[in-house]
Structure formats: structure tokens, C-alpha cells
PDB file of N, CA and C in Angstrom:
ATOM      1  N   MET A   1      25.719  -1.027  19.565  1.00  0.00           N
ATOM      2  CA  MET A   1      24.334  -0.762  19.854  1.00  0.00           C
ATOM      3  C   MET A   1      23.669   0.020  18.726  1.00  0.00           C
ATOM      4  N   LEU A   2      24.361   1.020  18.185  1.00  0.00           N
ATOM      5  CA  LEU A   2      23.761   1.806  17.112  1.00  0.00           C
ATOM      6  C   LEU A   2      23.505   0.969  15.870  1.00  0.00           C
ATOM      7  N   ASP A   3      24.354  -0.037  15.627  1.00  0.00           N
ATOM      8  CA  ASP A   3      24.111  -0.908  14.481  1.00  0.00           C
ATOM      9  C   ASP A   3      22.786  -1.638  14.626  1.00  0.00           C
ATOM     10  N   SER A   4      22.490  -2.121  15.830  1.00  0.00           N
ATOM     11  CA  SER A   4      21.212  -2.819  16.023  1.00  0.00           C
ATOM     12  C   SER A   4      20.051  -1.850  15.892  1.00  0.00           C
ATOM     13  N   LEU A   5      20.231  -0.613  16.317  1.00  0.00           N
ATOM     14  CA  LEU A   5      19.169   0.384  16.158  1.00  0.00           C
ATOM     15  C   LEU A   5      18.944   0.702  14.687  1.00  0.00           C
ATOM     16  N   ALA A   6      20.033   0.769  13.920  1.00  0.00           N
ATOM     17  CA  ALA A   6      19.903   1.029  12.481  1.00  0.00           C
ATOM     18  C   ALA A   6      19.151  -0.113  11.811  1.00  0.00           C
ATOM     19  N   ARG A   7      19.458  -1.354  12.204  1.00  0.00           N
ATOM     20  CA  ARG A   7      18.740  -2.501  11.641  1.00  0.00           C
ATOM     21  C   ARG A   7      17.262  -2.432  11.995  1.00  0.00           C
ATOM     22  N   GLY A   8      16.957  -2.032  13.235  1.00  0.00           N
ATOM     23  CA  GLY A   8      15.564  -1.909  13.653  1.00  0.00           C
ATOM     24  C   GLY A   8      14.834  -0.837  12.864  1.00  0.00           C
ATOM     25  N   ALA A   9      15.504   0.279  12.627  1.00  0.00           N
ATOM     26  CA  ALA A   9      14.889   1.361  11.853  1.00  0.00           C
ATOM     27  C   ALA A   9      14.643   0.916  10.421  1.00  0.00           C
ATOM     28  N   ARG A  10      15.612   0.199   9.830  1.00  0.00           N
ATOM     29  CA  ARG A  10      15.423  -0.290   8.464  1.00  0.00           C
ATOM     30  C   ARG A  10      14.314  -1.333   8.406  1.00  0.00           C
ATOM     31  N   ALA A  11      14.200  -2.149   9.441  1.00  0.00           N
ATOM     32  CA  ALA A  11      13.133  -3.159   9.468  1.00  0.00           C
ATOM     33  C   ALA A  11      11.771  -2.487   9.521  1.00  0.00           C
ATOM     34  N   CYS A  12      11.654  -1.398  10.271  1.00  0.00           N
ATOM     35  CA  CYS A  12      10.383  -0.667  10.323  1.00  0.00           C
ATOM     36  C   CYS A  12      10.050  -0.092   8.958  1.00  0.00           C
ATOM     37  N   GLU A  13      11.065   0.393   8.254  1.00  0.00           N
ATOM     38  CA  GLU A  13      10.828   0.916   6.916  1.00  0.00           C
ATOM     39  C   GLU A  13      10.340  -0.199   6.001  1.00  0.00           C
ATOM     40  N   ALA A  14      10.945  -1.384   6.116  1.00  0.00           N
ATOM     41  CA  ALA A  14      10.596  -2.499   5.234  1.00  0.00           C
ATOM     42  C   ALA A  14       9.193  -3.035   5.515  1.00  0.00           C
ATOM     43  N   THR A  15       8.771  -3.000   6.767  1.00  0.00           N
ATOM     44  CA  THR A  15       7.452  -3.541   7.104  1.00  0.00           C
ATOM     45  C   THR A  15       6.338  -2.551   6.866  1.00  0.00           C
ATOM     46  N   GLY A  16       6.671  -1.312   6.600  1.00  0.00           N
ATOM     47  CA  GLY A  16       5.644  -0.318   6.323  1.00  0.00           C
ATOM     48  C   GLY A  16       4.931   0.205   7.558  1.00  0.00           C
ATOM     49  N   ARG A  17       5.500   0.041   8.742  1.00  0.00           N
ATOM     50  CA  ARG A  17       4.865   0.515   9.961  1.00  0.00           C
ATOM     51  C   ARG A  17       4.955   2.028  10.090  1.00  0.00           C
ATOM     52  N   ARG A  18       5.727   2.651   9.239  1.00  0.00           N
ATOM     53  CA  ARG A  18       5.950   4.081   9.362  1.00  0.00           C
ATOM     54  C   ARG A  18       5.035   4.860   8.437  1.00  0.00           C
ATOM     55  N   PRO A  19       4.601   6.040   8.857  1.00  0.00           N
ATOM     56  CA  PRO A  19       3.835   6.882   7.960  1.00  0.00           C
ATOM     57  C   PRO A  19       4.720   7.411   6.832  1.00  0.00           C
ATOM     58  N   SER A  20       4.135   8.131   5.894  1.00  0.00           N
ATOM     59  CA  SER A  20       4.863   8.542   4.699  1.00  0.00           C
ATOM     60  C   SER A  20       5.943   9.578   4.957  1.00  0.00           C
ATOM     61  N   GLY A  21       6.022  10.140   6.109  1.00  0.00           N
ATOM     62  CA  GLY A  21       7.088  11.074   6.410  1.00  0.00           C
ATOM     63  C   GLY A  21       6.730  11.965   7.571  1.00  0.00           C
ATOM     64  N   LEU A  22       7.681  12.791   7.957  1.00  0.00           N
ATOM     65  CA  LEU A  22       7.465  13.654   9.112  1.00  0.00           C
ATOM     66  C   LEU A  22       6.601  14.859   8.793  1.00  0.00           C
ATOM     67  N   ALA A  23       6.395  15.179   7.537  1.00  0.00           N
ATOM     68  CA  ALA A  23       5.597  16.354   7.203  1.00  0.00           C
ATOM     69  C   ALA A  23       4.194  16.245   7.783  1.00  0.00           C
ATOM     70  N   ALA A  24       3.665  15.031   7.860  1.00  0.00           N
ATOM     71  CA  ALA A  24       2.313  14.836   8.374  1.00  0.00           C
ATOM     72  C   ALA A  24       2.311  14.447   9.853  1.00  0.00           C
ATOM     73  N   ALA A  25       3.460  14.463  10.488  1.00  0.00           N
ATOM     74  CA  ALA A  25       3.575  13.997  11.865  1.00  0.00           C
ATOM     75  C   ALA A  25       3.048  15.044  12.837  1.00  0.00           C
ATOM     76  N   THR A  26       1.761  15.020  13.068  1.00  0.00           N
ATOM     77  CA  THR A  26       1.167  15.961  14.003  1.00  0.00           C
ATOM     78  C   THR A  26       0.956  15.328  15.368  1.00  0.00           C
ATOM     79  N   SER A  27       1.189  14.027  15.495  1.00  0.00           N
ATOM     80  CA  SER A  27       1.107  13.368  16.791  1.00  0.00           C
ATOM     81  C   SER A  27       2.491  12.825  17.141  1.00  0.00           C
ATOM     82  N   PHE A  28       2.712  12.636  18.424  1.00  0.00           N
ATOM     83  CA  PHE A  28       4.008  12.124  18.862  1.00  0.00           C
ATOM     84  C   PHE A  28       4.249  10.723  18.304  1.00  0.00           C
ATOM     85  N   ARG A  29       3.223   9.906  18.309  1.00  0.00           N
ATOM     86  CA  ARG A  29       3.349   8.544  17.790  1.00  0.00           C
ATOM     87  C   ARG A  29       3.770   8.564  16.317  1.00  0.00           C
ATOM     88  N   ALA A  30       3.114   9.386  15.512  1.00  0.00           N
ATOM     89  CA  ALA A  30       3.470   9.490  14.089  1.00  0.00           C
ATOM     90  C   ALA A  30       4.886  10.029  13.924  1.00  0.00           C
ATOM     91  N   TYR A  31       5.266  10.961  14.793  1.00  0.00           N
ATOM     92  CA  TYR A  31       6.611  11.529  14.728  1.00  0.00           C
ATOM     93  C   TYR A  31       7.663  10.452  14.997  1.00  0.00           C
ATOM     94  N   VAL A  32       7.452   9.665  16.050  1.00  0.00           N
ATOM     95  CA  VAL A  32       8.424   8.621  16.405  1.00  0.00           C
ATOM     96  C   VAL A  32       8.496   7.564  15.301  1.00  0.00           C
ATOM     97  N   LEU A  33       7.350   7.113  14.821  1.00  0.00           N
ATOM     98  CA  LEU A  33       7.348   6.079  13.790  1.00  0.00           C
ATOM     99  C   LEU A  33       7.875   6.599  12.457  1.00  0.00           C
ATOM    100  N   GLY A  34       7.811   7.902  12.239  1.00  0.00           N
ATOM    101  CA  GLY A  34       8.248   8.481  10.977  1.00  0.00           C
ATOM    102  C   GLY A  34       9.684   8.953  10.943  1.00  0.00           C
ATOM    103  N   ARG A  35      10.375   8.910  12.083  1.00  0.00           N
ATOM    104  CA  ARG A  35      11.764   9.365  12.105  1.00  0.00           C
ATOM    105  C   ARG A  35      12.637   8.431  11.293  1.00  0.00           C
ATOM    106  N   LYS A  36      13.454   9.004  10.433  1.00  0.00           N
ATOM    107  CA  LYS A  36      14.403   8.210   9.654  1.00  0.00           C
ATOM    108  C   LYS A  36      15.725   8.179  10.411  1.00  0.00           C
ATOM    109  N   TYR A  37      16.332   7.020  10.440  1.00  0.00           N
ATOM    110  CA  TYR A  37      17.641   6.904  11.080  1.00  0.00           C
ATOM    111  C   TYR A  37      18.646   7.662  10.234  1.00  0.00           C
ATOM    112  N   ASP A  38      19.408   8.536  10.858  1.00  0.00           N
ATOM    113  CA  ASP A  38      20.315   9.379  10.081  1.00  0.00           C
ATOM    114  C   ASP A  38      21.778   8.989  10.238  1.00  0.00           C
ATOM    115  N   TYR A  39      22.024   7.713  10.495  1.00  0.00           N
ATOM    116  CA  TYR A  39      23.349   7.112  10.419  1.00  0.00           C
ATOM    117  C   TYR A  39      24.443   7.926  11.095  1.00  0.00           C
ATOM    118  N   GLY A  40      24.348   7.974  12.424  1.00  0.00           N
ATOM    119  CA  GLY A  40      25.408   8.591  13.199  1.00  0.00           C
ATOM    120  C   GLY A  40      25.089   9.970  13.726  1.00  0.00           C
ATOM    121  N   ARG A  41      24.063  10.609  13.205  1.00  0.00           N
ATOM    122  CA  ARG A  41      23.688  11.926  13.710  1.00  0.00           C
ATOM    123  C   ARG A  41      22.620  11.735  14.772  1.00  0.00           C
ATOM    124  N   GLY A  42      22.595  12.598  15.729  1.00  0.00           N
ATOM    125  CA  GLY A  42      21.617  12.479  16.808  1.00  0.00           C
ATOM    126  C   GLY A  42      22.194  11.707  17.976  1.00  0.00           C
ATOM    127  N   ARG A  43      21.471  11.752  19.055  1.00  0.00           N
ATOM    128  CA  ARG A  43      21.934  11.125  20.286  1.00  0.00           C
ATOM    129  C   ARG A  43      21.597   9.641  20.296  1.00  0.00           C
ATOM    130  N   ALA A  44      22.525   8.847  20.786  1.00  0.00           N
ATOM    131  CA  ALA A  44      22.317   7.400  20.860  1.00  0.00           C
ATOM    132  C   ALA A  44      21.126   7.068  21.750  1.00  0.00           C
ATOM    133  N   ASP A  45      20.951   7.811  22.852  1.00  0.00           N
ATOM    134  CA  ASP A  45      19.825   7.507  23.737  1.00  0.00           C
ATOM    135  C   ASP A  45      18.486   7.833  23.075  1.00  0.00           C
ATOM    136  N   SER A  46      18.463   8.817  22.181  1.00  0.00           N
ATOM    137  CA  SER A  46      17.234   9.110  21.439  1.00  0.00           C
ATOM    138  C   SER A  46      16.881   7.961  20.516  1.00  0.00           C
ATOM    139  N   TRP A  47      17.886   7.433  19.808  1.00  0.00           N
ATOM    140  CA  TRP A  47      17.636   6.304  18.911  1.00  0.00           C
ATOM    141  C   TRP A  47      17.276   5.052  19.696  1.00  0.00           C
ATOM    142  N   ALA A  48      17.818   4.916  20.910  1.00  0.00           N
ATOM    143  CA  ALA A  48      17.445   3.774  21.752  1.00  0.00           C
ATOM    144  C   ALA A  48      15.966   3.862  22.115  1.00  0.00           C
ATOM    145  N   PHE A  49      15.495   5.066  22.452  1.00  0.00           N
ATOM    146  CA  PHE A  49      14.076   5.216  22.759  1.00  0.00           C
ATOM    147  C   PHE A  49      13.212   4.951  21.529  1.00  0.00           C
ATOM    148  N   ILE A  50      13.612   5.475  20.380  1.00  0.00           N
ATOM    149  CA  ILE A  50      12.830   5.278  19.155  1.00  0.00           C
ATOM    150  C   ILE A  50      12.725   3.784  18.829  1.00  0.00           C
ATOM    151  N   ALA A  51      13.836   3.060  18.962  1.00  0.00           N
ATOM    152  CA  ALA A  51      13.808   1.617  18.715  1.00  0.00           C
ATOM    153  C   ALA A  51      12.901   0.921  19.731  1.00  0.00           C
ATOM    154  N   PHE A  52      12.962   1.347  20.985  1.00  0.00           N
ATOM    155  CA  PHE A  52      12.110   0.795  22.043  1.00  0.00           C
ATOM    156  C   PHE A  52      10.639   1.016  21.705  1.00  0.00           C
ATOM    157  N   ALA A  53      10.284   2.233  21.316  1.00  0.00           N
ATOM    158  CA  ALA A  53       8.888   2.565  21.009  1.00  0.00           C
ATOM    159  C   ALA A  53       8.410   1.830  19.762  1.00  0.00           C
ATOM    160  N   ARG A  54       9.244   1.745  18.751  1.00  0.00           N
ATOM    161  CA  ARG A  54       8.856   1.044  17.527  1.00  0.00           C
ATOM    162  C   ARG A  54       8.678  -0.445  17.767  1.00  0.00           C
ATOM    163  N   GLY A  55       9.388  -0.975  18.731  1.00  0.00           N
ATOM    164  CA  GLY A  55       9.264  -2.387  19.050  1.00  0.00           C
ATOM    165  C   GLY A  55       8.004  -2.717  19.831  1.00  0.00           C
ATOM    166  N   ASP A  56       7.327  -1.694  20.331  1.00  0.00           N
ATOM    167  CA  ASP A  56       6.108  -1.883  21.107  1.00  0.00           C
ATOM    168  C   ASP A  56       4.917  -1.842  20.159  1.00  0.00           C
ATOM    169  N   GLU A  57       4.300  -2.980  19.945  1.00  0.00           N
ATOM    170  CA  GLU A  57       3.157  -3.064  19.031  1.00  0.00           C
ATOM    171  C   GLU A  57       1.993  -2.183  19.480  1.00  0.00           C
ATOM    172  N   GLU A  58       1.931  -1.881  20.770  1.00  0.00           N
ATOM    173  CA  GLU A  58       0.839  -1.068  21.309  1.00  0.00           C
ATOM    174  C   GLU A  58       1.337   0.301  21.767  1.00  0.00           C
ATOM    175  N   PHE A  59       2.306   0.849  21.044  1.00  0.00           N
ATOM    176  CA  PHE A  59       2.849   2.168  21.385  1.00  0.00           C
ATOM    177  C   PHE A  59       1.698   3.172  21.399  1.00  0.00           C
ATOM    178  N   PRO A  60       1.418   3.785  22.554  1.00  0.00           N
ATOM    179  CA  PRO A  60       0.226   4.632  22.673  1.00  0.00           C
ATOM    180  C   PRO A  60       0.410   6.021  22.072  1.00  0.00           C
ATOM    181  N   GLU A  61      -0.691   6.708  21.934  1.00  0.00           N
ATOM    182  CA  GLU A  61      -0.671   8.121  21.553  1.00  0.00           C
ATOM    183  C   GLU A  61      -0.358   8.882  22.839  1.00  0.00           C
ATOM    184  N   ILE A  62       0.659   9.687  22.804  1.00  0.00           N
ATOM    185  CA  ILE A  62       1.121  10.398  23.996  1.00  0.00           C
ATOM    186  C   ILE A  62       0.940  11.886  23.770  1.00  0.00           C
ATOM    187  N   ALA A  63       0.332  12.558  24.766  1.00  0.00           N
ATOM    188  CA  ALA A  63      -0.016  13.973  24.592  1.00  0.00           C
ATOM    189  C   ALA A  63       0.800  14.921  25.464  1.00  0.00           C
ATOM    190  N   SER A  64       1.637  14.393  26.359  1.00  0.00           N
ATOM    191  CA  SER A  64       2.417  15.279  27.218  1.00  0.00           C
ATOM    192  C   SER A  64       3.700  14.584  27.664  1.00  0.00           C
ATOM    193  N   LEU A  65       4.631  15.381  28.139  1.00  0.00           N
ATOM    194  CA  LEU A  65       5.886  14.833  28.648  1.00  0.00           C
ATOM    195  C   LEU A  65       5.624  13.960  29.867  1.00  0.00           C
ATOM    196  N   THR A  66       4.650  14.324  30.681  1.00  0.00           N
ATOM    197  CA  THR A  66       4.295  13.518  31.850  1.00  0.00           C
ATOM    198  C   THR A  66       3.811  12.136  31.417  1.00  0.00           C
ATOM    199  N   GLU A  67       2.955  12.073  30.400  1.00  0.00           N
ATOM    200  CA  GLU A  67       2.484  10.785  29.876  1.00  0.00           C
ATOM    201  C   GLU A  67       3.641   9.976  29.312  1.00  0.00           C
ATOM    202  N   LEU A  68       4.573  10.650  28.654  1.00  0.00           N
ATOM    203  CA  LEU A  68       5.728   9.967  28.088  1.00  0.00           C
ATOM    204  C   LEU A  68       6.572   9.360  29.198  1.00  0.00           C
ATOM    205  N   ARG A  69       6.804  10.106  30.249  1.00  0.00           N
ATOM    206  CA  ARG A  69       7.584   9.582  31.380  1.00  0.00           C
ATOM    207  C   ARG A  69       6.874   8.389  32.015  1.00  0.00           C
ATOM    208  N   ARG A  70       5.571   8.446  32.087  1.00  0.00           N
ATOM    209  CA  ARG A  70       4.800   7.330  32.628  1.00  0.00           C
ATOM    210  C   ARG A  70       4.926   6.108  31.708  1.00  0.00           C
ATOM    211  N   TYR A  71       4.904   6.325  30.401  1.00  0.00           N
ATOM    212  CA  TYR A  71       5.034   5.234  29.440  1.00  0.00           C
ATOM    213  C   TYR A  71       6.397   4.551  29.580  1.00  0.00           C
ATOM    214  N   VAL A  72       7.456   5.343  29.653  1.00  0.00           N
ATOM    215  CA  VAL A  72       8.799   4.770  29.762  1.00  0.00           C
ATOM    216  C   VAL A  72       8.946   4.063  31.103  1.00  0.00           C
ATOM    217  N   GLY A  73       8.315   4.607  32.138  1.00  0.00           N
ATOM    218  CA  GLY A  73       8.281   3.955  33.448  1.00  0.00           C
ATOM    219  C   GLY A  73       9.648   3.721  34.043  1.00  0.00           C
ATOM    220  N   ASP A  74       9.844   2.515  34.487  1.00  0.00           N
ATOM    221  CA  ASP A  74      11.080   2.168  35.196  1.00  0.00           C
ATOM    222  C   ASP A  74      12.165   1.634  34.268  1.00  0.00           C
ATOM    223  N   ALA A  75      12.060   1.941  33.000  1.00  0.00           N
ATOM    224  CA  ALA A  75      13.074   1.488  32.048  1.00  0.00           C
ATOM    225  C   ALA A  75      14.414   2.157  32.375  1.00  0.00           C
ATOM    226  N   ARG A  76      15.411   1.775  31.657  1.00  0.00           N
ATOM    227  CA  ARG A  76      16.756   2.340  31.885  1.00  0.00           C
ATOM    228  C   ARG A  76      16.739   3.866  31.792  1.00  0.00           C
ATOM    229  N   ALA A  77      17.612   4.492  32.543  1.00  0.00           N
ATOM    230  CA  ALA A  77      17.719   5.958  32.535  1.00  0.00           C
ATOM    231  C   ALA A  77      18.003   6.476  31.132  1.00  0.00           C
ATOM    232  N   GLU A  78      18.758   5.710  30.333  1.00  0.00           N
ATOM    233  CA  GLU A  78      19.070   6.107  28.958  1.00  0.00           C
ATOM    234  C   GLU A  78      17.791   6.306  28.147  1.00  0.00           C
ATOM    235  N   LEU A  79      16.808   5.426  28.353  1.00  0.00           N
ATOM    236  CA  LEU A  79      15.555   5.550  27.611  1.00  0.00           C
ATOM    237  C   LEU A  79      14.792   6.792  28.020  1.00  0.00           C
ATOM    238  N   LEU A  80      14.795   7.110  29.299  1.00  0.00           N
ATOM    239  CA  LEU A  80      14.089   8.299  29.765  1.00  0.00           C
ATOM    240  C   LEU A  80      14.729   9.563  29.207  1.00  0.00           C
ATOM    241  N   GLU A  81      16.051   9.614  29.214  1.00  0.00           N
ATOM    242  CA  GLU A  81      16.747  10.776  28.638  1.00  0.00           C
ATOM    243  C   GLU A  81      16.480  10.873  27.142  1.00  0.00           C
ATOM    244  N   GLY A  82      16.520   9.748  26.453  1.00  0.00           N
ATOM    245  CA  GLY A  82      16.247   9.727  25.019  1.00  0.00           C
ATOM    246  C   GLY A  82      14.820  10.123  24.706  1.00  0.00           C
ATOM    247  N   ALA A  83      13.871   9.632  25.507  1.00  0.00           N
ATOM    248  CA  ALA A  83      12.461   9.976  25.308  1.00  0.00           C
ATOM    249  C   ALA A  83      12.245  11.472  25.477  1.00  0.00           C
ATOM    250  N   THR A  84      12.877  12.048  26.478  1.00  0.00           N
ATOM    251  CA  THR A  84      12.755  13.488  26.713  1.00  0.00           C
ATOM    252  C   THR A  84      13.331  14.274  25.547  1.00  0.00           C
ATOM    253  N   SER A  85      14.463  13.831  25.036  1.00  0.00           N
ATOM    254  CA  SER A  85      15.091  14.499  23.895  1.00  0.00           C
ATOM    255  C   SER A  85      14.208  14.409  22.646  1.00  0.00           C
ATOM    256  N   VAL A  86      13.630  13.236  22.405  1.00  0.00           N
ATOM    257  CA  VAL A  86      12.752  13.060  21.244  1.00  0.00           C
ATOM    258  C   VAL A  86      11.493  13.910  21.418  1.00  0.00           C
ATOM    259  N   TRP A  87      10.975  13.999  22.633  1.00  0.00           N
ATOM    260  CA  TRP A  87       9.793  14.834  22.887  1.00  0.00           C
ATOM    261  C   TRP A  87      10.097  16.299  22.552  1.00  0.00           C
ATOM    262  N   ARG A  88      11.249  16.768  22.975  1.00  0.00           N
ATOM    263  CA  ARG A  88      11.633  18.166  22.677  1.00  0.00           C
ATOM    264  C   ARG A  88      11.759  18.390  21.178  1.00  0.00           C
ATOM    265  N   SER A  89      12.308  17.428  20.473  1.00  0.00           N
ATOM    266  CA  SER A  89      12.406  17.532  19.010  1.00  0.00           C
ATOM    267  C   SER A  89      11.019  17.558  18.379  1.00  0.00           C
ATOM    268  N   PHE A  90      10.112  16.742  18.912  1.00  0.00           N
ATOM    269  CA  PHE A  90       8.742  16.712  18.418  1.00  0.00           C
ATOM    270  C   PHE A  90       8.050  18.056  18.625  1.00  0.00           C
ATOM    271  N   VAL A  91       8.216  18.642  19.796  1.00  0.00           N
ATOM    272  CA  VAL A  91       7.587  19.941  20.076  1.00  0.00           C
ATOM    273  C   VAL A  91       8.123  20.997  19.115  1.00  0.00           C
ATOM    274  N   ALA A  92       9.423  20.991  18.857  1.00  0.00           N
ATOM    275  CA  ALA A  92      10.011  21.942  17.901  1.00  0.00           C
ATOM    276  C   ALA A  92       9.477  21.690  16.492  1.00  0.00           C
ATOM    277  N   HIS A  93       9.374  20.424  16.107  1.00  0.00           N
ATOM    278  CA  HIS A  93       8.853  20.060  14.784  1.00  0.00           C
ATOM    279  C   HIS A  93       7.403  20.524  14.635  1.00  0.00           C
ATOM    280  N   ARG A  94       6.602  20.265  15.646  1.00  0.00           N
ATOM    281  CA  ARG A  94       5.188  20.659  15.611  1.00  0.00           C
ATOM    282  C   ARG A  94       5.055  22.176  15.528  1.00  0.00           C
ATOM    283  N   SER A  95       5.916  22.884  16.215  1.00  0.00           N
ATOM    284  CA  SER A  95       5.906  24.340  16.155  1.00  0.00           C
ATOM    285  C   SER A  95       6.233  24.832  14.749  1.00  0.00           C
ATOM    286  N   LEU A  96       7.213  24.212  14.107  1.00  0.00           N
ATOM    287  CA  LEU A  96       7.548  24.581  12.723  1.00  0.00           C
ATOM    288  C   LEU A  96       6.377  24.313  11.781  1.00  0.00           C
ATOM    289  N   LEU A  97       5.709  23.166  11.977  1.00  0.00           N
ATOM    290  CA  LEU A  97       4.546  22.849  11.142  1.00  0.00           C
ATOM    291  C   LEU A  97       3.460  23.909  11.296  1.00  0.00           C
ATOM    292  N   ARG A  98       3.200  24.291  12.508  1.00  0.00           N
ATOM    293  CA  ARG A  98       2.157  25.284  12.759  1.00  0.00           C
ATOM    294  C   ARG A  98       2.515  26.633  12.144  1.00  0.00           C
ATOM    295  N   ARG A  99       3.779  27.026  12.249  1.00  0.00           N
ATOM    296  CA  ARG A  99       4.194  28.303  11.647  1.00  0.00           C
ATOM    297  C   ARG A  99       4.114  28.258  10.139  1.00  0.00           C
ATOM    298  N   SER A 100       4.395  27.115   9.542  1.00  0.00           N
ATOM    299  CA  SER A 100       4.360  27.023   8.079  1.00  0.00           C
ATOM    300  C   SER A 100       2.924  26.993   7.552  1.00  0.00           C
ATOM    301  N   GLU A 101       1.955  26.652   8.414  1.00  0.00           N
ATOM    302  CA  GLU A 101       0.554  26.613   7.999  1.00  0.00           C
ATOM    303  C   GLU A 101      -0.083  28.013   7.977  1.00  0.00           C
ATOM    304  N   ARG A 102       0.567  28.957   8.586  1.00  0.00           N
ATOM    305  CA  ARG A 102       0.002  30.325   8.646  1.00  0.00           C
ATOM    306  C   ARG A 102       0.133  31.037   7.343  1.00  0.00           C
TER     307      ARG A 102
END
């Protein structure tokens, strides 16, 4: 499964759907699209969610964990756990960005 996720992440890089990096990722959507696959590091369910979101041409801008849970909906439990984990990483990343701007 991780091999297919790695291929999906590389395909997103090749098509240019990703922003220039996480430094500018101030929205959840930009954060998800800008995540680089780190070849074995991180949780498999997080990468499953990232691949799921990148595969959605209409991946929405999400402003809260409640909205994220609504977006994932009735998908597999693995996706919900992965989405929650990615959301927590995003909140930590956004906090670091804000502290570095001071």
C-alpha cells in the first residue's frame, strides 16, 4: 500500500499540483498538497489520507477538525484516523509559522 502512496505522491509532484513547499502552507489544503512523501517515516494512515485528498480534484478548503471529519465522511476508519493525525500536524506547523513571524 505504501508503494502506491509513494507513486501517488510522486505523480502529484510531476503534475505540479503542489505548492512550492510547506513554508507557505497557511491553509490545510496547501499543507496537504505540499507534504512531501518521506519514504517510510510517518503513519501509513496519514499517507493514505493525503493520497485520498490529493486524488480529489475538488479537495475543499477545510477550516476545522469538524469540517475535516465531515469531508472524510463514511470512508474507512483508517482515513479518519489519518486525517486527524494530519490535521494535528498542520496545527503544529501553523503554530510554528506564527511563532517564526514574530
